[in-house]
Amino acid sequence: MKDQRIKKLIAKIIKFRDARDWKQFHNPKDVALSLVLESAEVLEHFQWKTKEEIEEYVKTAKNEIGEELADVLYWVLLLSNDLEIDVLDALDSKMKKNEQKYPVDRAKGRHTKYTDL
């Protein structure tokens, strides 16, 4: 069962979309495309910045970065709802797979892909 807060967020998203009669435009391909585009907007905040510049930038741009992350979450929740995927169950399942693919004793402190561990 979905977390109550996630359910409320999804209900808010659906209400927002349906009030504007936008469901007609929200096929899975276009929703997924919107998700990618919003993800790119998150990335723009860090493009061309050094590690030090990012650390300083984040101190002053948390609201703007947060808004972009919220846009990403909006599209993730909308797509998961429309495809009838419980995103929390999917995340839990994926984390279990990741734990198998990246065992602590072989992956700790390494950024190596699981196939090369």
PDB file of N, CA and C in Angstrom:
ATOM      1  N   MET A   1       0.837  -1.196   0.000  1.00  0.00           N
ATOM      2  CA  MET A   1       0.000   0.000   0.000  1.00  0.00           C
ATOM      3  C   MET A   1       0.880   1.257   0.000  1.00  0.00           C
ATOM      4  N   LYS A   2       0.475   2.240  -0.736  1.00  0.00           N
ATOM      5  CA  LYS A   2       1.237   3.469  -0.841  1.00  0.00           C
ATOM      6  C   LYS A   2       1.224   4.237   0.467  1.00  0.00           C
ATOM      7  N   ASP A   3       2.314   4.881   0.728  1.00  0.00           N
ATOM      8  CA  ASP A   3       2.427   5.792   1.852  1.00  0.00           C
ATOM      9  C   ASP A   3       1.345   6.873   1.709  1.00  0.00           C
ATOM     10  N   GLN A   4       0.754   7.252   2.808  1.00  0.00           N
ATOM     11  CA  GLN A   4      -0.342   8.240   2.767  1.00  0.00           C
ATOM     12  C   GLN A   4       0.108   9.570   2.168  1.00  0.00           C
ATOM     13  N   ARG A   5       1.329   9.981   2.453  1.00  0.00           N
ATOM     14  CA  ARG A   5       1.801  11.255   1.909  1.00  0.00           C
ATOM     15  C   ARG A   5       1.943  11.167   0.382  1.00  0.00           C
ATOM     16  N   ILE A   6       2.436  10.038  -0.098  1.00  0.00           N
ATOM     17  CA  ILE A   6       2.545   9.846  -1.550  1.00  0.00           C
ATOM     18  C   ILE A   6       1.155   9.857  -2.178  1.00  0.00           C
ATOM     19  N   LYS A   7       0.207   9.165  -1.533  1.00  0.00           N
ATOM     20  CA  LYS A   7      -1.173   9.157  -2.045  1.00  0.00           C
ATOM     21  C   LYS A   7      -1.726  10.569  -2.150  1.00  0.00           C
ATOM     22  N   LYS A   8      -1.480  11.388  -1.132  1.00  0.00           N
ATOM     23  CA  LYS A   8      -1.971  12.773  -1.142  1.00  0.00           C
ATOM     24  C   LYS A   8      -1.311  13.586  -2.242  1.00  0.00           C
ATOM     25  N   LEU A   9      -0.015  13.382  -2.438  1.00  0.00           N
ATOM     26  CA  LEU A   9       0.676  14.098  -3.507  1.00  0.00           C
ATOM     27  C   LEU A   9       0.126  13.701  -4.875  1.00  0.00           C
ATOM     28  N   ILE A  10      -0.074  12.415  -5.074  1.00  0.00           N
ATOM     29  CA  ILE A  10      -0.625  11.954  -6.354  1.00  0.00           C
ATOM     30  C   ILE A  10      -2.022  12.528  -6.570  1.00  0.00           C
ATOM     31  N   ALA A  11      -2.843  12.525  -5.530  1.00  0.00           N
ATOM     32  CA  ALA A  11      -4.193  13.089  -5.653  1.00  0.00           C
ATOM     33  C   ALA A  11      -4.128  14.567  -6.027  1.00  0.00           C
ATOM     34  N   LYS A  12      -3.197  15.293  -5.446  1.00  0.00           N
ATOM     35  CA  LYS A  12      -3.029  16.726  -5.750  1.00  0.00           C
ATOM     36  C   LYS A  12      -2.593  16.923  -7.203  1.00  0.00           C
ATOM     37  N   ILE A  13      -1.681  16.070  -7.653  1.00  0.00           N
ATOM     38  CA  ILE A  13      -1.204  16.141  -9.040  1.00  0.00           C
ATOM     39  C   ILE A  13      -2.338  15.843 -10.013  1.00  0.00           C
ATOM     40  N   ILE A  14      -3.115  14.807  -9.741  1.00  0.00           N
ATOM     41  CA  ILE A  14      -4.223  14.438 -10.621  1.00  0.00           C
ATOM     42  C   ILE A  14      -5.276  15.537 -10.645  1.00  0.00           C
ATOM     43  N   LYS A  15      -5.577  16.093  -9.487  1.00  0.00           N
ATOM     44  CA  LYS A  15      -6.555  17.194  -9.411  1.00  0.00           C
ATOM     45  C   LYS A  15      -6.077  18.387 -10.236  1.00  0.00           C
ATOM     46  N   PHE A  16      -4.795  18.723 -10.105  1.00  0.00           N
ATOM     47  CA  PHE A  16      -4.209  19.823 -10.866  1.00  0.00           C
ATOM     48  C   PHE A  16      -4.327  19.550 -12.368  1.00  0.00           C
ATOM     49  N   ARG A  17      -3.922  18.341 -12.782  1.00  0.00           N
ATOM     50  CA  ARG A  17      -3.962  17.985 -14.198  1.00  0.00           C
ATOM     51  C   ARG A  17      -5.389  17.973 -14.733  1.00  0.00           C
ATOM     52  N   ASP A  18      -6.301  17.320 -14.003  1.00  0.00           N
ATOM     53  CA  ASP A  18      -7.667  17.160 -14.492  1.00  0.00           C
ATOM     54  C   ASP A  18      -8.426  18.479 -14.546  1.00  0.00           C
ATOM     55  N   ALA A  19      -8.127  19.391 -13.630  1.00  0.00           N
ATOM     56  CA  ALA A  19      -8.781  20.705 -13.663  1.00  0.00           C
ATOM     57  C   ALA A  19      -8.442  21.461 -14.941  1.00  0.00           C
ATOM     58  N   ARG A  20      -7.305  21.145 -15.524  1.00  0.00           N
ATOM     59  CA  ARG A  20      -6.862  21.823 -16.739  1.00  0.00           C
ATOM     60  C   ARG A  20      -7.112  20.987 -18.002  1.00  0.00           C
ATOM     61  N   ASP A  21      -7.734  19.827 -17.831  1.00  0.00           N
ATOM     62  CA  ASP A  21      -8.026  18.921 -18.942  1.00  0.00           C
ATOM     63  C   ASP A  21      -6.766  18.574 -19.722  1.00  0.00           C
ATOM     64  N   TRP A  22      -5.687  18.250 -18.999  1.00  0.00           N
ATOM     65  CA  TRP A  22      -4.418  17.934 -19.624  1.00  0.00           C
ATOM     66  C   TRP A  22      -4.184  16.436 -19.800  1.00  0.00           C
ATOM     67  N   LYS A  23      -5.040  15.601 -19.228  1.00  0.00           N
ATOM     68  CA  LYS A  23      -4.806  14.157 -19.343  1.00  0.00           C
ATOM     69  C   LYS A  23      -4.730  13.727 -20.804  1.00  0.00           C
ATOM     70  N   GLN A  24      -5.472  14.409 -21.660  1.00  0.00           N
ATOM     71  CA  GLN A  24      -5.473  14.067 -23.081  1.00  0.00           C
ATOM     72  C   GLN A  24      -4.075  14.169 -23.702  1.00  0.00           C
ATOM     73  N   PHE A  25      -3.196  14.944 -23.079  1.00  0.00           N
ATOM     74  CA  PHE A  25      -1.838  15.125 -23.595  1.00  0.00           C
ATOM     75  C   PHE A  25      -0.820  14.221 -22.900  1.00  0.00           C
ATOM     76  N   HIS A  26      -1.259  13.520 -21.869  1.00  0.00           N
ATOM     77  CA  HIS A  26      -0.329  12.804 -21.001  1.00  0.00           C
ATOM     78  C   HIS A  26      -0.239  11.316 -21.306  1.00  0.00           C
ATOM     79  N   ASN A  27       0.215  10.994 -22.493  1.00  0.00           N
ATOM     80  CA  ASN A  27       0.517   9.596 -22.798  1.00  0.00           C
ATOM     81  C   ASN A  27       1.882   9.262 -22.176  1.00  0.00           C
ATOM     82  N   PRO A  28       2.167   7.986 -21.956  1.00  0.00           N
ATOM     83  CA  PRO A  28       3.417   7.625 -21.278  1.00  0.00           C
ATOM     84  C   PRO A  28       4.684   8.195 -21.930  1.00  0.00           C
ATOM     85  N   LYS A  29       4.737   8.219 -23.252  1.00  0.00           N
ATOM     86  CA  LYS A  29       5.927   8.750 -23.926  1.00  0.00           C
ATOM     87  C   LYS A  29       6.149  10.210 -23.585  1.00  0.00           C
ATOM     88  N   ASP A  30       5.100  11.017 -23.656  1.00  0.00           N
ATOM     89  CA  ASP A  30       5.264  12.444 -23.410  1.00  0.00           C
ATOM     90  C   ASP A  30       5.495  12.759 -21.941  1.00  0.00           C
ATOM     91  N   VAL A  31       4.894  11.971 -21.059  1.00  0.00           N
ATOM     92  CA  VAL A  31       5.154  12.160 -19.632  1.00  0.00           C
ATOM     93  C   VAL A  31       6.607  11.789 -19.330  1.00  0.00           C
ATOM     94  N   ALA A  32       7.088  10.685 -19.898  1.00  0.00           N
ATOM     95  CA  ALA A  32       8.481  10.286 -19.704  1.00  0.00           C
ATOM     96  C   ALA A  32       9.430  11.344 -20.280  1.00  0.00           C
ATOM     97  N   LEU A  33       9.077  11.902 -21.413  1.00  0.00           N
ATOM     98  CA  LEU A  33       9.884  12.965 -22.004  1.00  0.00           C
ATOM     99  C   LEU A  33       9.935  14.177 -21.078  1.00  0.00           C
ATOM    100  N   SER A  34       8.800  14.541 -20.506  1.00  0.00           N
ATOM    101  CA  SER A  34       8.769  15.662 -19.561  1.00  0.00           C
ATOM    102  C   SER A  34       9.651  15.387 -18.348  1.00  0.00           C
ATOM    103  N   LEU A  35       9.645  14.146 -17.907  1.00  0.00           N
ATOM    104  CA  LEU A  35      10.496  13.749 -16.792  1.00  0.00           C
ATOM    105  C   LEU A  35      11.975  13.955 -17.128  1.00  0.00           C
ATOM    106  N   VAL A  36      12.373  13.553 -18.307  1.00  0.00           N
ATOM    107  CA  VAL A  36      13.757  13.724 -18.739  1.00  0.00           C
ATOM    108  C   VAL A  36      14.111  15.204 -18.855  1.00  0.00           C
ATOM    109  N   LEU A  37      13.218  15.983 -19.420  1.00  0.00           N
ATOM    110  CA  LEU A  37      13.482  17.418 -19.578  1.00  0.00           C
ATOM    111  C   LEU A  37      13.630  18.108 -18.226  1.00  0.00           C
ATOM    112  N   GLU A  38      12.782  17.761 -17.283  1.00  0.00           N
ATOM    113  CA  GLU A  38      12.891  18.360 -15.944  1.00  0.00           C
ATOM    114  C   GLU A  38      14.172  17.904 -15.253  1.00  0.00           C
ATOM    115  N   SER A  39      14.567  16.653 -15.477  1.00  0.00           N
ATOM    116  CA  SER A  39      15.825  16.159 -14.920  1.00  0.00           C
ATOM    117  C   SER A  39      17.001  16.967 -15.467  1.00  0.00           C
ATOM    118  N   ALA A  40      16.932  17.291 -16.740  1.00  0.00           N
ATOM    119  CA  ALA A  40      17.983  18.107 -17.354  1.00  0.00           C
ATOM    120  C   ALA A  40      18.032  19.495 -16.713  1.00  0.00           C
ATOM    121  N   GLU A  41      16.884  20.017 -16.308  1.00  0.00           N
ATOM    122  CA  GLU A  41      16.867  21.321 -15.647  1.00  0.00           C
ATOM    123  C   GLU A  41      17.536  21.254 -14.274  1.00  0.00           C
ATOM    124  N   VAL A  42      17.454  20.116 -13.615  1.00  0.00           N
ATOM    125  CA  VAL A  42      18.211  19.930 -12.367  1.00  0.00           C
ATOM    126  C   VAL A  42      19.702  19.999 -12.697  1.00  0.00           C
ATOM    127  N   LEU A  43      20.087  19.284 -13.728  1.00  0.00           N
ATOM    128  CA  LEU A  43      21.494  19.220 -14.123  1.00  0.00           C
ATOM    129  C   LEU A  43      22.056  20.590 -14.497  1.00  0.00           C
ATOM    130  N   GLU A  44      21.243  21.440 -15.086  1.00  0.00           N
ATOM    131  CA  GLU A  44      21.700  22.777 -15.476  1.00  0.00           C
ATOM    132  C   GLU A  44      22.271  23.564 -14.304  1.00  0.00           C
ATOM    133  N   HIS A  45      21.752  23.315 -13.113  1.00  0.00           N
ATOM    134  CA  HIS A  45      22.238  24.033 -11.937  1.00  0.00           C
ATOM    135  C   HIS A  45      23.706  23.726 -11.633  1.00  0.00           C
ATOM    136  N   PHE A  46      24.204  22.608 -12.117  1.00  0.00           N
ATOM    137  CA  PHE A  46      25.555  22.177 -11.794  1.00  0.00           C
ATOM    138  C   PHE A  46      26.516  22.212 -12.980  1.00  0.00           C
ATOM    139  N   GLN A  47      25.961  22.428 -14.159  1.00  0.00           N
ATOM    140  CA  GLN A  47      26.763  22.419 -15.381  1.00  0.00           C
ATOM    141  C   GLN A  47      27.870  23.459 -15.306  1.00  0.00           C
ATOM    142  N   TRP A  48      29.061  23.066 -15.677  1.00  0.00           N
ATOM    143  CA  TRP A  48      30.247  23.908 -15.808  1.00  0.00           C
ATOM    144  C   TRP A  48      30.789  24.421 -14.468  1.00  0.00           C
ATOM    145  N   LYS A  49      30.278  23.940 -13.373  1.00  0.00           N
ATOM    146  CA  LYS A  49      30.760  24.397 -12.069  1.00  0.00           C
ATOM    147  C   LYS A  49      31.743  23.378 -11.499  1.00  0.00           C
ATOM    148  N   THR A  50      32.748  23.894 -10.827  1.00  0.00           N
ATOM    149  CA  THR A  50      33.686  23.026 -10.121  1.00  0.00           C
ATOM    150  C   THR A  50      33.024  22.547  -8.829  1.00  0.00           C
ATOM    151  N   LYS A  51      33.665  21.600  -8.181  1.00  0.00           N
ATOM    152  CA  LYS A  51      33.148  21.097  -6.900  1.00  0.00           C
ATOM    153  C   LYS A  51      32.982  22.250  -5.907  1.00  0.00           C
ATOM    154  N   GLU A  52      33.951  23.118  -5.839  1.00  0.00           N
ATOM    155  CA  GLU A  52      33.899  24.251  -4.920  1.00  0.00           C
ATOM    156  C   GLU A  52      32.780  25.224  -5.293  1.00  0.00           C
ATOM    157  N   GLU A  53      32.628  25.496  -6.581  1.00  0.00           N
ATOM    158  CA  GLU A  53      31.558  26.387  -7.037  1.00  0.00           C
ATOM    159  C   GLU A  53      30.183  25.793  -6.732  1.00  0.00           C
ATOM    160  N   ILE A  54      30.047  24.485  -6.885  1.00  0.00           N
ATOM    161  CA  ILE A  54      28.778  23.820  -6.573  1.00  0.00           C
ATOM    162  C   ILE A  54      28.455  23.952  -5.099  1.00  0.00           C
ATOM    163  N   GLU A  55      29.437  23.701  -4.255  1.00  0.00           N
ATOM    164  CA  GLU A  55      29.216  23.812  -2.812  1.00  0.00           C
ATOM    165  C   GLU A  55      28.728  25.206  -2.437  1.00  0.00           C
ATOM    166  N   GLU A  56      29.300  26.221  -3.037  1.00  0.00           N
ATOM    167  CA  GLU A  56      28.889  27.600  -2.752  1.00  0.00           C
ATOM    168  C   GLU A  56      27.520  27.902  -3.362  1.00  0.00           C
ATOM    169  N   TYR A  57      27.302  27.457  -4.580  1.00  0.00           N
ATOM    170  CA  TYR A  57      26.044  27.706  -5.293  1.00  0.00           C
ATOM    171  C   TYR A  57      24.854  27.097  -4.559  1.00  0.00           C
ATOM    172  N   VAL A  58      25.024  25.887  -4.076  1.00  0.00           N
ATOM    173  CA  VAL A  58      23.921  25.190  -3.410  1.00  0.00           C
ATOM    174  C   VAL A  58      23.444  25.974  -2.191  1.00  0.00           C
ATOM    175  N   LYS A  59      24.343  26.663  -1.531  1.00  0.00           N
ATOM    176  CA  LYS A  59      23.958  27.461  -0.348  1.00  0.00           C
ATOM    177  C   LYS A  59      22.934  28.540  -0.695  1.00  0.00           C
ATOM    178  N   THR A  60      23.008  29.063  -1.896  1.00  0.00           N
ATOM    179  CA  THR A  60      22.126  30.171  -2.278  1.00  0.00           C
ATOM    180  C   THR A  60      21.004  29.770  -3.234  1.00  0.00           C
ATOM    181  N   ALA A  61      21.053  28.556  -3.766  1.00  0.00           N
ATOM    182  CA  ALA A  61      20.076  28.171  -4.791  1.00  0.00           C
ATOM    183  C   ALA A  61      19.234  26.963  -4.401  1.00  0.00           C
ATOM    184  N   LYS A  62      19.144  26.665  -3.111  1.00  0.00           N
ATOM    185  CA  LYS A  62      18.376  25.479  -2.691  1.00  0.00           C
ATOM    186  C   LYS A  62      16.929  25.542  -3.143  1.00  0.00           C
ATOM    187  N   ASN A  63      16.297  26.699  -3.075  1.00  0.00           N
ATOM    188  CA  ASN A  63      14.895  26.805  -3.497  1.00  0.00           C
ATOM    189  C   ASN A  63      14.733  26.491  -4.973  1.00  0.00           C
ATOM    190  N   GLU A  64      15.608  27.047  -5.799  1.00  0.00           N
ATOM    191  CA  GLU A  64      15.518  26.811  -7.236  1.00  0.00           C
ATOM    192  C   GLU A  64      15.786  25.342  -7.570  1.00  0.00           C
ATOM    193  N   ILE A  65      16.792  24.763  -6.938  1.00  0.00           N
ATOM    194  CA  ILE A  65      17.086  23.341  -7.165  1.00  0.00           C
ATOM    195  C   ILE A  65      15.916  22.498  -6.672  1.00  0.00           C
ATOM    196  N   GLY A  66      15.371  22.867  -5.517  1.00  0.00           N
ATOM    197  CA  GLY A  66      14.223  22.149  -4.964  1.00  0.00           C
ATOM    198  C   GLY A  66      13.020  22.185  -5.889  1.00  0.00           C
ATOM    199  N   GLU A  67      12.792  23.315  -6.532  1.00  0.00           N
ATOM    200  CA  GLU A  67      11.674  23.410  -7.476  1.00  0.00           C
ATOM    201  C   GLU A  67      11.869  22.468  -8.654  1.00  0.00           C
ATOM    202  N   GLU A  68      13.093  22.349  -9.134  1.00  0.00           N
ATOM    203  CA  GLU A  68      13.359  21.437 -10.247  1.00  0.00           C
ATOM    204  C   GLU A  68      13.200  19.981  -9.795  1.00  0.00           C
ATOM    205  N   LEU A  69      13.665  19.670  -8.592  1.00  0.00           N
ATOM    206  CA  LEU A  69      13.477  18.319  -8.059  1.00  0.00           C
ATOM    207  C   LEU A  69      11.993  18.022  -7.882  1.00  0.00           C
ATOM    208  N   ALA A  70      11.228  19.022  -7.472  1.00  0.00           N
ATOM    209  CA  ALA A  70       9.776  18.845  -7.335  1.00  0.00           C
ATOM    210  C   ALA A  70       9.137  18.564  -8.689  1.00  0.00           C
ATOM    211  N   ASP A  71       9.604  19.232  -9.730  1.00  0.00           N
ATOM    212  CA  ASP A  71       9.096  18.960 -11.077  1.00  0.00           C
ATOM    213  C   ASP A  71       9.384  17.518 -11.486  1.00  0.00           C
ATOM    214  N   VAL A  72      10.584  17.037 -11.178  1.00  0.00           N
ATOM    215  CA  VAL A  72      10.938  15.647 -11.490  1.00  0.00           C
ATOM    216  C   VAL A  72      10.011  14.695 -10.738  1.00  0.00           C
ATOM    217  N   LEU A  73       9.816  14.959  -9.444  1.00  0.00           N
ATOM    218  CA  LEU A  73       8.948  14.103  -8.637  1.00  0.00           C
ATOM    219  C   LEU A  73       7.514  14.133  -9.161  1.00  0.00           C
ATOM    220  N   TYR A  74       7.046  15.286  -9.588  1.00  0.00           N
ATOM    221  CA  TYR A  74       5.706  15.427 -10.175  1.00  0.00           C
ATOM    222  C   TYR A  74       5.520  14.418 -11.308  1.00  0.00           C
ATOM    223  N   TRP A  75       6.487  14.407 -12.246  1.00  0.00           N
ATOM    224  CA  TRP A  75       6.358  13.533 -13.411  1.00  0.00           C
ATOM    225  C   TRP A  75       6.541  12.068 -13.039  1.00  0.00           C
ATOM    226  N   VAL A  76       7.409  11.768 -12.081  1.00  0.00           N
ATOM    227  CA  VAL A  76       7.570  10.384 -11.622  1.00  0.00           C
ATOM    228  C   VAL A  76       6.261   9.883 -11.023  1.00  0.00           C
ATOM    229  N   LEU A  77       5.660  10.685 -10.157  1.00  0.00           N
ATOM    230  CA  LEU A  77       4.419  10.265  -9.508  1.00  0.00           C
ATOM    231  C   LEU A  77       3.268  10.166 -10.507  1.00  0.00           C
ATOM    232  N   LEU A  78       3.204  11.095 -11.442  1.00  0.00           N
ATOM    233  CA  LEU A  78       2.139  11.048 -12.442  1.00  0.00           C
ATOM    234  C   LEU A  78       2.268   9.803 -13.323  1.00  0.00           C
ATOM    235  N   LEU A  79       3.469   9.534 -13.788  1.00  0.00           N
ATOM    236  CA  LEU A  79       3.676   8.371 -14.647  1.00  0.00           C
ATOM    237  C   LEU A  79       3.419   7.072 -13.887  1.00  0.00           C
ATOM    238  N   SER A  80       3.896   6.999 -12.662  1.00  0.00           N
ATOM    239  CA  SER A  80       3.659   5.773 -11.884  1.00  0.00           C
ATOM    240  C   SER A  80       2.170   5.571 -11.643  1.00  0.00           C
ATOM    241  N   ASN A  81       1.450   6.647 -11.410  1.00  0.00           N
ATOM    242  CA  ASN A  81      -0.009   6.545 -11.224  1.00  0.00           C
ATOM    243  C   ASN A  81      -0.689   6.084 -12.510  1.00  0.00           C
ATOM    244  N   ASP A  82      -0.355   6.722 -13.607  1.00  0.00           N
ATOM    245  CA  ASP A  82      -1.010   6.401 -14.875  1.00  0.00           C
ATOM    246  C   ASP A  82      -0.716   4.967 -15.334  1.00  0.00           C
ATOM    247  N   LEU A  83       0.470   4.465 -14.977  1.00  0.00           N
ATOM    248  CA  LEU A  83       0.841   3.102 -15.364  1.00  0.00           C
ATOM    249  C   LEU A  83       0.495   2.083 -14.281  1.00  0.00           C
ATOM    250  N   GLU A  84      -0.142   2.570 -13.227  1.00  0.00           N
ATOM    251  CA  GLU A  84      -0.544   1.728 -12.097  1.00  0.00           C
ATOM    252  C   GLU A  84       0.644   0.963 -11.515  1.00  0.00           C
ATOM    253  N   ILE A  85       1.711   1.714 -11.279  1.00  0.00           N
ATOM    254  CA  ILE A  85       2.915   1.177 -10.645  1.00  0.00           C
ATOM    255  C   ILE A  85       3.041   1.822  -9.273  1.00  0.00           C
ATOM    256  N   ASP A  86       3.106   0.996  -8.240  1.00  0.00           N
ATOM    257  CA  ASP A  86       3.339   1.534  -6.896  1.00  0.00           C
ATOM    258  C   ASP A  86       4.824   1.860  -6.821  1.00  0.00           C
ATOM    259  N   VAL A  87       5.140   3.130  -6.911  1.00  0.00           N
ATOM    260  CA  VAL A  87       6.532   3.559  -7.008  1.00  0.00           C
ATOM    261  C   VAL A  87       7.314   3.227  -5.737  1.00  0.00           C
ATOM    262  N   LEU A  88       6.672   3.206  -4.591  1.00  0.00           N
ATOM    263  CA  LEU A  88       7.369   2.838  -3.364  1.00  0.00           C
ATOM    264  C   LEU A  88       7.717   1.351  -3.360  1.00  0.00           C
ATOM    265  N   ASP A  89       6.800   0.513  -3.826  1.00  0.00           N
ATOM    266  CA  ASP A  89       7.100  -0.912  -3.953  1.00  0.00           C
ATOM    267  C   ASP A  89       8.207  -1.134  -4.984  1.00  0.00           C
ATOM    268  N   ALA A  90       8.146  -0.384  -6.076  1.00  0.00           N
ATOM    269  CA  ALA A  90       9.163  -0.512  -7.119  1.00  0.00           C
ATOM    270  C   ALA A  90      10.534  -0.111  -6.577  1.00  0.00           C
ATOM    271  N   LEU A  91      10.571   0.956  -5.797  1.00  0.00           N
ATOM    272  CA  LEU A  91      11.835   1.398  -5.208  1.00  0.00           C
ATOM    273  C   LEU A  91      12.368   0.364  -4.221  1.00  0.00           C
ATOM    274  N   ASP A  92      11.496  -0.162  -3.396  1.00  0.00           N
ATOM    275  CA  ASP A  92      11.907  -1.181  -2.433  1.00  0.00           C
ATOM    276  C   ASP A  92      12.485  -2.395  -3.154  1.00  0.00           C
ATOM    277  N   SER A  93      11.809  -2.850  -4.188  1.00  0.00           N
ATOM    278  CA  SER A  93      12.277  -3.992  -4.968  1.00  0.00           C
ATOM    279  C   SER A  93      13.620  -3.700  -5.627  1.00  0.00           C
ATOM    280  N   LYS A  94      13.753  -2.505  -6.189  1.00  0.00           N
ATOM    281  CA  LYS A  94      15.003  -2.125  -6.862  1.00  0.00           C
ATOM    282  C   LYS A  94      16.157  -2.042  -5.872  1.00  0.00           C
ATOM    283  N   MET A  95      15.890  -1.535  -4.668  1.00  0.00           N
ATOM    284  CA  MET A  95      16.943  -1.458  -3.655  1.00  0.00           C
ATOM    285  C   MET A  95      17.423  -2.849  -3.253  1.00  0.00           C
ATOM    286  N   LYS A  96      16.509  -3.797  -3.174  1.00  0.00           N
ATOM    287  CA  LYS A  96      16.903  -5.181  -2.861  1.00  0.00           C
ATOM    288  C   LYS A  96      17.805  -5.734  -3.961  1.00  0.00           C
ATOM    289  N   LYS A  97      17.463  -5.453  -5.214  1.00  0.00           N
ATOM    290  CA  LYS A  97      18.315  -5.888  -6.327  1.00  0.00           C
ATOM    291  C   LYS A  97      19.681  -5.220  -6.267  1.00  0.00           C
ATOM    292  N   ASN A  98      19.680  -3.909  -5.957  1.00  0.00           N
ATOM    293  CA  ASN A  98      20.942  -3.177  -5.869  1.00  0.00           C
ATOM    294  C   ASN A  98      21.830  -3.713  -4.753  1.00  0.00           C
ATOM    295  N   GLU A  99      21.221  -4.117  -3.650  1.00  0.00           N
ATOM    296  CA  GLU A  99      21.990  -4.698  -2.548  1.00  0.00           C
ATOM    297  C   GLU A  99      22.689  -5.979  -2.999  1.00  0.00           C
ATOM    298  N   GLN A 100      22.040  -6.742  -3.871  1.00  0.00           N
ATOM    299  CA  GLN A 100      22.650  -7.963  -4.401  1.00  0.00           C
ATOM    300  C   GLN A 100      23.746  -7.632  -5.425  1.00  0.00           C
ATOM    301  N   LYS A 101      23.477  -6.650  -6.263  1.00  0.00           N
ATOM    302  CA  LYS A 101      24.432  -6.288  -7.301  1.00  0.00           C
ATOM    303  C   LYS A 101      25.666  -5.586  -6.734  1.00  0.00           C
ATOM    304  N   TYR A 102      25.472  -4.852  -5.646  1.00  0.00           N
ATOM    305  CA  TYR A 102      26.548  -4.071  -5.047  1.00  0.00           C
ATOM    306  C   TYR A 102      26.754  -4.460  -3.579  1.00  0.00           C
ATOM    307  N   PRO A 103      27.280  -5.658  -3.325  1.00  0.00           N
ATOM    308  CA  PRO A 103      27.503  -6.059  -1.929  1.00  0.00           C
ATOM    309  C   PRO A 103      28.532  -5.127  -1.275  1.00  0.00           C
ATOM    310  N   VAL A 104      28.289  -4.798  -0.025  1.00  0.00           N
ATOM    311  CA  VAL A 104      29.135  -3.845   0.687  1.00  0.00           C
ATOM    312  C   VAL A 104      30.603  -4.251   0.628  1.00  0.00           C
ATOM    313  N   ASP A 105      30.885  -5.516   0.827  1.00  0.00           N
ATOM    314  CA  ASP A 105      32.288  -5.948   0.887  1.00  0.00           C
ATOM    315  C   ASP A 105      33.034  -5.746  -0.430  1.00  0.00           C
ATOM    316  N   ARG A 106      32.315  -5.646  -1.546  1.00  0.00           N
ATOM    317  CA  ARG A 106      32.976  -5.445  -2.842  1.00  0.00           C
ATOM    318  C   ARG A 106      32.792  -4.035  -3.400  1.00  0.00           C
ATOM    319  N   ALA A 107      31.748  -3.343  -2.966  1.00  0.00           N
ATOM    320  CA  ALA A 107      31.429  -2.053  -3.570  1.00  0.00           C
ATOM    321  C   ALA A 107      31.775  -0.848  -2.697  1.00  0.00           C
ATOM    322  N   LYS A 108      32.000  -1.054  -1.430  1.00  0.00           N
ATOM    323  CA  LYS A 108      32.227   0.071  -0.522  1.00  0.00           C
ATOM    324  C   LYS A 108      33.407   0.927  -0.982  1.00  0.00           C
ATOM    325  N   GLY A 109      33.123   2.219  -1.143  1.00  0.00           N
ATOM    326  CA  GLY A 109      34.156   3.172  -1.524  1.00  0.00           C
ATOM    327  C   GLY A 109      34.558   3.120  -2.987  1.00  0.00           C
ATOM    328  N   ARG A 110      33.818   2.381  -3.795  1.00  0.00           N
ATOM    329  CA  ARG A 110      34.141   2.250  -5.220  1.00  0.00           C
ATOM    330  C   ARG A 110      32.958   2.703  -6.068  1.00  0.00           C
ATOM    331  N   HIS A 111      33.243   3.279  -7.197  1.00  0.00           N
ATOM    332  CA  HIS A 111      32.185   3.693  -8.124  1.00  0.00           C
ATOM    333  C   HIS A 111      32.094   2.768  -9.329  1.00  0.00           C
ATOM    334  N   THR A 112      32.681   1.614  -9.199  1.00  0.00           N
ATOM    335  CA  THR A 112      32.731   0.631 -10.285  1.00  0.00           C
ATOM    336  C   THR A 112      31.342   0.043 -10.544  1.00  0.00           C
ATOM    337  N   LYS A 113      31.011  -0.150 -11.800  1.00  0.00           N
ATOM    338  CA  LYS A 113      29.746  -0.794 -12.155  1.00  0.00           C
ATOM    339  C   LYS A 113      29.750  -2.222 -11.639  1.00  0.00           C
ATOM    340  N   TYR A 114      28.579  -2.701 -11.265  1.00  0.00           N
ATOM    341  CA  TYR A 114      28.463  -4.022 -10.651  1.00  0.00           C
ATOM    342  C   TYR A 114      29.065  -5.146 -11.489  1.00  0.00           C
ATOM    343  N   THR A 115      29.042  -5.012 -12.792  1.00  0.00           N
ATOM    344  CA  THR A 115      29.592  -6.060 -13.651  1.00  0.00           C
ATOM    345  C   THR A 115      31.112  -6.133 -13.569  1.00  0.00           C
ATOM    346  N   ASP A 116      31.744  -5.086 -13.029  1.00  0.00           N
ATOM    347  CA  ASP A 116      33.199  -5.037 -12.934  1.00  0.00           C
ATOM    348  C   ASP A 116      33.712  -5.162 -11.503  1.00  0.00           C
ATOM    349  N   LEU A 117      32.835  -5.429 -10.563  1.00  0.00           N
ATOM    350  CA  LEU A 117      33.273  -5.569  -9.172  1.00  0.00           C
ATOM    351  C   LEU A 117      34.003  -6.882  -8.956  1.00  0.00           C
TER     352      LEU A 117
END
